[in-house]
Amino acid sequence: MEIKDIEISVSEKEALDIMEHDSALSSVLTDDDFIDDCADIAGITIGLMKRDNPLDIDVDSDLAKIHGRLDMHRATVRRFWPWIAAAVAVIMVIFYVATKPLFINKVDVMQHYVQVFQACETDTAVMIREFGQEESVPLAMACKNAPLVYDASNHEAKYSSDNDRNAKYSSKRHSLSVPRGKSFKVILSDNTVVYVNADSRIVYPMAFGNKERVVELEGEALFKVAKDPTRPFIVKSRGVDVLALGTEFNVRNYPSEPLKVTLVSGSVEVSNANNCNKKRLSPGQQASVDKTMDVENVDAEGTVFWKDGLFYFDGVTLKEMMAEIGRWYNTDIYIENDNVAKLQLHFYADRKQDIHHFIKILNRTERIHAVYNNGKIMIK
């Protein structure tokens, strides 16, 4: 059978000719229509090559398109497969030559970047769960069965401080979760004010009893503790107890970070679960707890600027800073290499602005360059 009897496109015919005449290769590489045809036929192989690439190529969609075209011409394909296979083989080589620099550059770029934060699915509302209940509900719904008033306009909730009314709630506990991209203020039954940062959870009784006041924390919160010498206030977080009588302090406990307690005013005592290591802090001091406990002087006021809707970083690494940014905007963060990740920065911005505004402010530092695209921040 001769080639002229086979039902193939002009591009495929050219590919077959190239098999016999190598000199034609340079001419077709400048033919845009031919390169487009190459792209369609080469989609499967290139897609599979990129399947493990973090650039989110939709391989399944590409495969479906190719399969659809094969179904339309399946009889012709089966009949003349030896000739078409040869053409495709050549087209694959041509397409690889034409696109190799771009493909290699994209892969090399990603290989040099280190991911410092990963986005995840998150609630969009502050949620609350009563212990004994299986599911969390939006805060507004919880008010129906608790001594609680929710003020949506000011992003805060207040528990009743009426001891007579609260008596029946002292044995019940709430777990309040704040999603990424939000912060929330809650006033407990003893009038202690708690500012809960993004991606955080706090557990507490609906009404405190007559003894100690105990809450649990995952994430970050600022506590302004109501004075009550007869009922010590204790925050439990990752095996660490923070004891206060009447004071203002910040507790930060996120995964992959040391737990940090920063004292703004008053006095607190920080100890591990076994009380083997105990430190009393003065205002302006911060205890960092990992395998050991270290205390240093810090800008305590700057540490809690987040409660006023501000990003404030002073003397922290770019990696630490961008983990906080990723948590707020719930976006993937990539930094080019460890040297860039270790840069020390002083940075200030409004958390109420969108991510594009943040990128503009970040690039004004002139020490780094950041780009936001496809749900990722890339920094070099």
Protein backbone atom coordinates (compact mmCIF):
# COMPACT_ATOMS: atom_id res chain seq x y z
CA MET A 1 0.00 0.00 0.00
CA GLU A 2 1.31 3.46 -0.83
CA ILE A 3 1.36 6.44 1.45
CA LYS A 4 -1.06 8.34 -0.78
CA ASP A 5 -3.84 5.85 0.12
CA ILE A 6 -3.60 6.53 3.86
CA GLU A 7 -6.03 9.04 5.39
CA ILE A 8 -3.60 11.25 7.29
CA SER A 9 -3.26 14.99 7.76
CA VAL A 10 -0.78 17.20 5.96
CA SER A 11 1.26 17.50 9.17
CA GLU A 12 1.45 13.73 9.54
CA LYS A 13 2.49 13.41 5.89
CA GLU A 14 5.28 15.92 6.52
CA ALA A 15 6.40 13.93 9.53
CA LEU A 16 6.66 10.78 7.42
CA ASP A 17 8.68 12.68 4.82
CA ILE A 18 11.07 13.83 7.52
CA MET A 19 11.84 10.23 8.35
CA GLU A 20 13.46 9.98 4.92
CA HIS A 21 14.77 13.54 4.63
CA ASP A 22 16.39 14.89 7.81
CA SER A 23 17.04 18.24 6.16
CA ALA A 24 13.34 19.06 6.45
CA LEU A 25 13.55 19.20 10.27
CA SER A 26 14.74 22.81 10.45
CA SER A 27 11.95 24.05 8.21
CA VAL A 28 9.08 22.48 10.14
CA LEU A 29 10.37 23.79 13.44
CA THR A 30 9.47 27.27 12.21
CA ASP A 31 5.95 26.23 11.10
CA ASP A 32 3.53 27.33 13.85
CA ASP A 33 0.62 25.22 12.56
CA PHE A 34 2.77 22.12 12.46
CA ILE A 35 4.05 22.72 16.01
CA ASP A 36 0.42 23.04 17.20
CA ASP A 37 -0.36 19.65 15.68
CA CYS A 38 2.70 18.25 17.39
CA ALA A 39 1.46 19.57 20.70
CA ASP A 40 -1.84 17.73 20.40
CA ILE A 41 -0.24 14.39 19.55
CA ALA A 42 2.55 14.79 22.10
CA GLY A 43 0.18 15.70 24.94
CA ILE A 44 0.10 12.25 26.51
CA THR A 45 3.85 11.85 26.84
CA ILE A 46 4.54 15.40 27.95
CA GLY A 47 1.66 15.19 30.42
CA LEU A 48 3.04 12.01 31.96
CA MET A 49 6.49 13.59 32.20
CA LYS A 50 4.91 16.43 34.16
CA ARG A 51 2.62 14.33 36.36
CA ASP A 52 4.97 14.60 39.36
CA ASN A 53 5.75 18.24 38.68
CA PRO A 54 4.23 20.68 41.23
CA LEU A 55 2.99 22.96 38.42
CA ASP A 56 -0.47 21.34 38.49
CA ILE A 57 -0.75 20.19 34.88
CA ASP A 58 -4.21 18.70 34.22
CA VAL A 59 -2.99 15.40 32.75
CA ASP A 60 -6.36 13.65 32.99
CA SER A 61 -8.04 16.34 30.92
CA ASP A 62 -5.33 16.13 28.25
CA LEU A 63 -5.67 12.35 28.10
CA ALA A 64 -9.44 12.61 27.67
CA LYS A 65 -9.02 14.93 24.69
CA ILE A 66 -6.58 12.59 23.00
CA HIS A 67 -8.82 9.58 23.64
CA GLY A 68 -11.78 11.44 22.16
CA ARG A 69 -9.94 12.15 18.95
CA LEU A 70 -8.83 8.53 18.69
CA ASP A 71 -12.44 7.35 19.11
CA MET A 72 -13.56 9.52 16.18
CA HIS A 73 -11.02 7.96 13.84
CA ARG A 74 -10.51 4.56 15.44
CA ALA A 75 -11.05 2.55 12.20
CA THR A 76 -8.45 4.52 10.32
CA VAL A 77 -6.04 4.33 13.25
CA ARG A 78 -6.30 0.53 13.50
CA ARG A 79 -5.92 0.05 9.77
CA PHE A 80 -2.86 2.19 9.27
CA TRP A 81 -1.27 2.11 12.72
CA PRO A 82 2.29 1.20 11.56
CA TRP A 83 2.52 4.35 9.43
CA ILE A 84 0.84 6.65 11.96
CA ALA A 85 2.98 5.27 14.81
CA ALA A 86 6.07 6.14 12.86
CA ALA A 87 4.77 9.63 12.21
CA VAL A 88 3.91 10.15 15.87
CA ALA A 89 7.37 9.00 16.90
CA VAL A 90 8.96 11.62 14.70
CA ILE A 91 6.50 14.30 15.82
CA MET A 92 7.32 13.50 19.44
CA VAL A 93 11.00 14.09 18.74
CA ILE A 94 10.25 17.37 16.97
CA PHE A 95 7.95 18.58 19.75
CA TYR A 96 10.52 17.68 22.41
CA VAL A 97 13.23 19.60 20.55
CA ALA A 98 10.94 22.60 20.14
CA THR A 99 9.77 22.72 23.77
CA LYS A 100 12.68 21.22 25.70
CA PRO A 101 14.19 24.53 26.89
CA LEU A 102 10.86 25.77 28.32
CA PHE A 103 10.03 22.45 29.99
CA ILE A 104 13.46 21.99 31.53
CA ASN A 105 13.49 25.56 32.81
CA LYS A 106 10.16 25.12 34.61
CA VAL A 107 11.24 21.89 36.27
CA ASP A 108 14.64 23.30 37.25
CA VAL A 109 12.98 26.36 38.81
CA MET A 110 10.70 24.24 41.00
CA GLN A 111 13.57 21.96 42.03
CA HIS A 112 15.41 24.97 43.44
CA TYR A 113 12.48 26.17 45.53
CA VAL A 114 11.68 25.02 49.07
CA GLN A 115 8.05 24.88 50.16
CA VAL A 116 7.69 26.60 53.55
CA PHE A 117 3.90 26.55 53.85
CA GLN A 118 1.06 24.54 52.34
CA ALA A 119 -2.53 25.63 51.84
CA CYS A 120 -5.37 23.38 52.97
CA GLU A 121 -9.16 23.24 53.05
CA THR A 122 -10.44 25.47 55.82
CA ASP A 123 -13.75 26.72 57.19
CA THR A 124 -14.71 30.24 56.27
CA ALA A 125 -16.54 30.95 59.53
CA VAL A 126 -15.70 30.78 63.21
CA MET A 127 -16.98 27.41 64.40
CA ILE A 128 -17.86 26.10 67.85
CA ARG A 129 -18.42 22.63 69.23
CA GLU A 130 -19.88 21.62 72.56
CA PHE A 131 -18.10 18.66 74.11
CA GLY A 132 -20.29 15.62 73.71
CA GLN A 133 -21.49 16.78 70.29
CA GLU A 134 -20.00 15.25 67.15
CA GLU A 135 -20.03 18.26 64.82
CA SER A 136 -19.05 21.90 65.03
CA VAL A 137 -21.61 24.56 64.13
CA PRO A 138 -21.31 28.23 63.15
CA LEU A 139 -21.06 30.44 66.21
CA ALA A 140 -24.43 32.08 65.60
CA MET A 141 -26.17 28.72 65.98
CA ALA A 142 -24.38 27.93 69.26
CA CYS A 143 -25.93 30.96 70.95
CA LYS A 144 -29.29 29.17 71.10
CA ASN A 145 -28.08 26.66 73.68
CA ALA A 146 -25.41 28.56 75.61
CA PRO A 147 -25.05 31.70 77.79
CA LEU A 148 -23.47 33.45 74.85
CA VAL A 149 -24.05 36.61 72.80
CA TYR A 150 -22.51 36.85 69.33
CA ASP A 151 -21.70 40.24 67.79
CA ALA A 152 -20.97 39.53 64.13
CA SER A 153 -20.25 43.16 63.21
CA ASN A 154 -17.38 43.38 65.72
CA HIS A 155 -16.20 39.77 65.27
CA GLU A 156 -16.61 38.92 68.93
CA ALA A 157 -18.64 36.82 71.34
CA LYS A 158 -19.34 37.31 75.05
CA TYR A 159 -20.31 34.72 77.65
CA SER A 160 -22.58 35.63 80.51
CA SER A 161 -20.87 36.63 83.77
CA ASP A 162 -24.05 36.05 85.80
CA ASN A 163 -23.00 33.39 88.36
CA ASP A 164 -26.58 32.33 89.09
CA ARG A 165 -27.37 31.86 85.42
CA ASN A 166 -24.06 30.14 84.75
CA ALA A 167 -24.32 27.52 87.49
CA LYS A 168 -25.80 24.88 85.18
CA TYR A 169 -23.09 25.46 82.52
CA SER A 170 -19.96 25.04 84.65
CA SER A 171 -19.54 21.40 83.62
CA LYS A 172 -19.95 22.10 79.90
CA ARG A 173 -17.10 23.05 77.59
CA HIS A 174 -16.83 24.77 74.23
CA SER A 175 -14.17 24.35 71.56
CA LEU A 176 -13.92 27.48 69.42
CA SER A 177 -12.05 27.29 66.08
CA VAL A 178 -10.92 30.31 64.06
CA PRO A 179 -10.14 29.60 60.37
CA ARG A 180 -7.20 30.82 58.35
CA GLY A 181 -7.55 34.42 57.26
CA LYS A 182 -9.53 35.52 60.32
CA SER A 183 -9.07 36.48 63.97
CA PHE A 184 -11.70 36.60 66.68
CA LYS A 185 -12.35 38.08 70.13
CA VAL A 186 -14.11 36.10 72.85
CA ILE A 187 -14.92 37.30 76.37
CA LEU A 188 -15.10 34.41 78.82
CA SER A 189 -17.49 34.13 81.76
CA ASP A 190 -14.91 35.66 84.17
CA ASN A 191 -14.51 38.69 81.85
CA THR A 192 -11.11 37.52 80.62
CA VAL A 193 -10.67 38.77 77.05
CA VAL A 194 -9.10 36.40 74.53
CA TYR A 195 -8.02 37.41 71.01
CA VAL A 196 -7.71 34.24 68.94
CA ASN A 197 -5.47 34.35 65.87
CA ALA A 198 -5.98 32.59 62.53
CA ASP A 199 -5.88 28.79 62.30
CA SER A 200 -6.30 28.41 66.07
CA ARG A 201 -8.51 26.54 68.53
CA ILE A 202 -9.29 27.29 72.17
CA VAL A 203 -11.15 25.04 74.64
CA TYR A 204 -12.77 26.43 77.81
CA PRO A 205 -15.78 25.92 80.11
CA MET A 206 -18.91 27.88 79.28
CA ALA A 207 -18.74 29.08 82.88
CA PHE A 208 -15.76 28.84 85.23
CA GLY A 209 -16.23 27.15 88.60
CA ASN A 210 -15.04 28.29 92.03
CA LYS A 211 -11.49 26.94 91.70
CA GLU A 212 -8.88 27.45 89.01
CA ARG A 213 -9.72 28.70 85.53
CA VAL A 214 -8.24 26.41 82.88
CA VAL A 215 -8.27 26.79 79.08
CA GLU A 216 -6.46 24.86 76.33
CA LEU A 217 -4.93 26.34 73.19
CA GLU A 218 -3.73 25.20 69.78
CA GLY A 219 -2.43 28.04 67.61
CA GLU A 220 -2.10 31.58 68.93
CA ALA A 221 -4.07 33.78 71.32
CA LEU A 222 -3.60 36.92 73.39
CA PHE A 223 -5.05 36.75 76.90
CA LYS A 224 -6.09 39.75 79.01
CA VAL A 225 -6.83 37.93 82.24
CA ALA A 226 -9.41 39.27 84.68
CA LYS A 227 -7.90 39.51 88.15
CA ASP A 228 -9.10 36.94 90.65
CA PRO A 229 -6.49 35.85 93.25
CA THR A 230 -8.74 33.03 94.43
CA ARG A 231 -8.96 31.43 90.97
CA PRO A 232 -5.61 31.17 89.14
CA PHE A 233 -5.86 31.34 85.35
CA ILE A 234 -3.99 28.56 83.51
CA VAL A 235 -3.40 28.12 79.77
CA LYS A 236 -2.42 24.61 78.74
CA SER A 237 -0.67 24.25 75.41
CA ARG A 238 1.51 21.39 74.09
CA GLY A 239 2.51 20.13 77.52
CA VAL A 240 3.24 23.62 78.85
CA ASP A 241 1.28 25.43 81.57
CA VAL A 242 1.13 29.22 81.75
CA LEU A 243 -0.09 30.44 85.15
CA ALA A 244 -1.39 33.99 85.62
CA LEU A 245 -3.38 35.87 88.24
CA GLY A 246 -4.14 39.11 86.39
CA THR A 247 -2.02 39.95 83.37
CA GLU A 248 -1.72 40.25 79.59
CA PHE A 249 0.27 37.67 77.67
CA ASN A 250 0.46 35.97 74.28
CA VAL A 251 0.77 32.22 73.70
CA ARG A 252 1.84 30.95 70.29
CA ASN A 253 1.70 27.22 69.54
CA TYR A 254 1.72 26.27 65.86
CA PRO A 255 3.07 23.00 64.42
CA SER A 256 6.78 22.92 63.49
CA GLU A 257 7.51 25.95 65.70
CA PRO A 258 8.74 26.26 69.29
CA LEU A 259 5.96 27.22 71.71
CA LYS A 260 6.35 30.88 72.70
CA VAL A 261 4.91 32.78 75.67
CA THR A 262 5.30 36.57 75.55
CA LEU A 263 4.44 38.73 78.56
CA VAL A 264 3.02 42.18 77.84
CA SER A 265 2.16 43.20 81.42
CA GLY A 266 1.88 41.67 84.88
CA SER A 267 3.56 38.37 85.67
CA VAL A 268 3.25 34.77 84.51
CA GLU A 269 4.88 31.50 85.41
CA VAL A 270 5.72 29.09 82.59
CA SER A 271 6.31 25.40 83.32
CA ASN A 272 6.27 22.10 81.49
CA ALA A 273 3.78 19.38 82.34
CA ASN A 274 6.01 17.86 85.04
CA ASN A 275 7.09 21.21 86.50
CA CYS A 276 10.69 20.14 85.92
CA ASN A 277 11.49 23.45 84.29
CA LYS A 278 9.77 26.58 85.56
CA LYS A 279 10.39 30.24 84.68
CA ARG A 280 8.74 33.44 85.87
CA LEU A 281 8.56 36.13 83.20
CA SER A 282 8.71 39.89 83.51
CA PRO A 283 7.03 42.28 81.04
CA GLY A 284 8.88 42.34 77.74
CA GLN A 285 10.21 38.80 78.10
CA GLN A 286 9.48 35.79 75.95
CA ALA A 287 9.87 32.12 76.87
CA SER A 288 10.60 29.79 73.95
CA VAL A 289 9.89 26.15 74.77
CA ASP A 290 11.04 23.22 72.69
CA LYS A 291 13.22 20.54 74.27
CA THR A 292 14.49 23.25 76.61
CA MET A 293 13.10 26.59 77.83
CA ASP A 294 14.90 29.80 76.92
CA VAL A 295 13.96 33.33 77.98
CA GLU A 296 14.86 36.51 76.10
CA ASN A 297 13.83 40.16 75.94
CA VAL A 298 11.59 41.04 72.96
CA ASP A 299 9.34 43.78 71.62
CA ALA A 300 6.24 42.48 73.39
CA GLU A 301 3.92 45.13 71.99
CA GLY A 302 5.05 44.33 68.44
CA THR A 303 4.46 40.63 69.06
CA VAL A 304 0.73 41.22 69.55
CA PHE A 305 0.12 43.72 66.74
CA TRP A 306 -1.73 40.91 64.97
CA LYS A 307 -4.77 41.52 67.20
CA ASP A 308 -5.05 45.00 65.66
CA GLY A 309 -5.04 43.59 62.12
CA LEU A 310 -1.36 44.11 61.35
CA PHE A 311 1.56 42.01 60.13
CA TYR A 312 4.65 42.99 62.12
CA PHE A 313 7.95 41.15 61.89
CA ASP A 314 11.24 42.33 63.34
CA GLY A 315 14.43 40.33 63.04
CA VAL A 316 12.69 37.10 61.96
CA THR A 317 13.72 34.95 59.03
CA LEU A 318 11.89 35.14 55.73
CA LYS A 319 10.88 31.49 56.21
CA GLU A 320 9.25 32.25 59.58
CA MET A 321 7.54 35.32 58.22
CA MET A 322 6.14 33.60 55.15
CA ALA A 323 4.74 30.72 57.21
CA GLU A 324 2.63 33.34 58.99
CA ILE A 325 1.62 34.90 55.67
CA GLY A 326 0.68 31.51 54.24
CA ARG A 327 -1.48 30.79 57.28
CA TRP A 328 -3.36 34.07 56.93
CA TYR A 329 -3.97 33.90 53.17
CA ASN A 330 -4.10 30.07 53.11
CA THR A 331 -1.74 29.82 50.16
CA ASP A 332 1.27 27.72 49.21
CA ILE A 333 4.63 29.43 49.79
CA TYR A 334 7.84 28.57 47.94
CA ILE A 335 11.27 30.15 48.59
CA GLU A 336 14.09 29.72 46.09
CA ASN A 337 16.70 28.27 48.46
CA ASP A 338 17.86 28.11 52.07
CA ASN A 339 20.01 31.24 51.77
CA VAL A 340 16.99 33.30 50.77
CA ALA A 341 14.84 31.61 53.44
CA LYS A 342 17.31 32.68 56.16
CA LEU A 343 17.21 36.38 55.30
CA GLN A 344 16.40 38.55 58.32
CA LEU A 345 13.65 41.09 57.67
CA HIS A 346 11.81 43.98 59.29
CA PHE A 347 8.32 44.09 57.78
CA TYR A 348 5.01 45.81 58.46
CA ALA A 349 1.71 45.55 56.54
CA ASP A 350 -2.07 45.67 56.92
CA ARG A 351 -3.63 42.18 57.21
CA LYS A 352 -6.96 43.52 55.94
CA GLN A 353 -5.51 44.06 52.44
CA ASP A 354 -5.66 41.34 49.81
CA ILE A 355 -2.74 39.13 48.82
CA HIS A 356 -1.88 41.22 45.75
CA HIS A 357 -1.39 44.29 47.92
CA PHE A 358 0.83 42.25 50.23
CA ILE A 359 3.02 41.16 47.30
CA LYS A 360 3.50 44.81 46.25
CA ILE A 361 4.56 45.80 49.76
CA LEU A 362 6.89 42.81 50.06
CA ASN A 363 8.66 43.63 46.80
CA ARG A 364 9.41 47.14 48.03
CA THR A 365 12.00 45.65 50.38
CA GLU A 366 14.20 45.23 47.26
CA ARG A 367 16.01 42.32 48.92
CA ILE A 368 13.68 39.74 47.42
CA HIS A 369 11.26 39.36 44.54
CA ALA A 370 7.87 37.72 45.04
CA VAL A 371 5.28 36.59 42.49
CA TYR A 372 1.76 35.33 43.15
CA ASN A 373 0.30 32.98 40.55
CA ASN A 374 -2.06 29.98 40.53
CA GLY A 375 -2.51 30.05 44.31
CA LYS A 376 1.22 30.08 45.03
CA ILE A 377 3.68 32.72 46.24
CA MET A 378 7.14 32.22 44.71
CA ILE A 379 10.04 34.14 46.27
CA LYS A 380 13.63 34.53 45.11
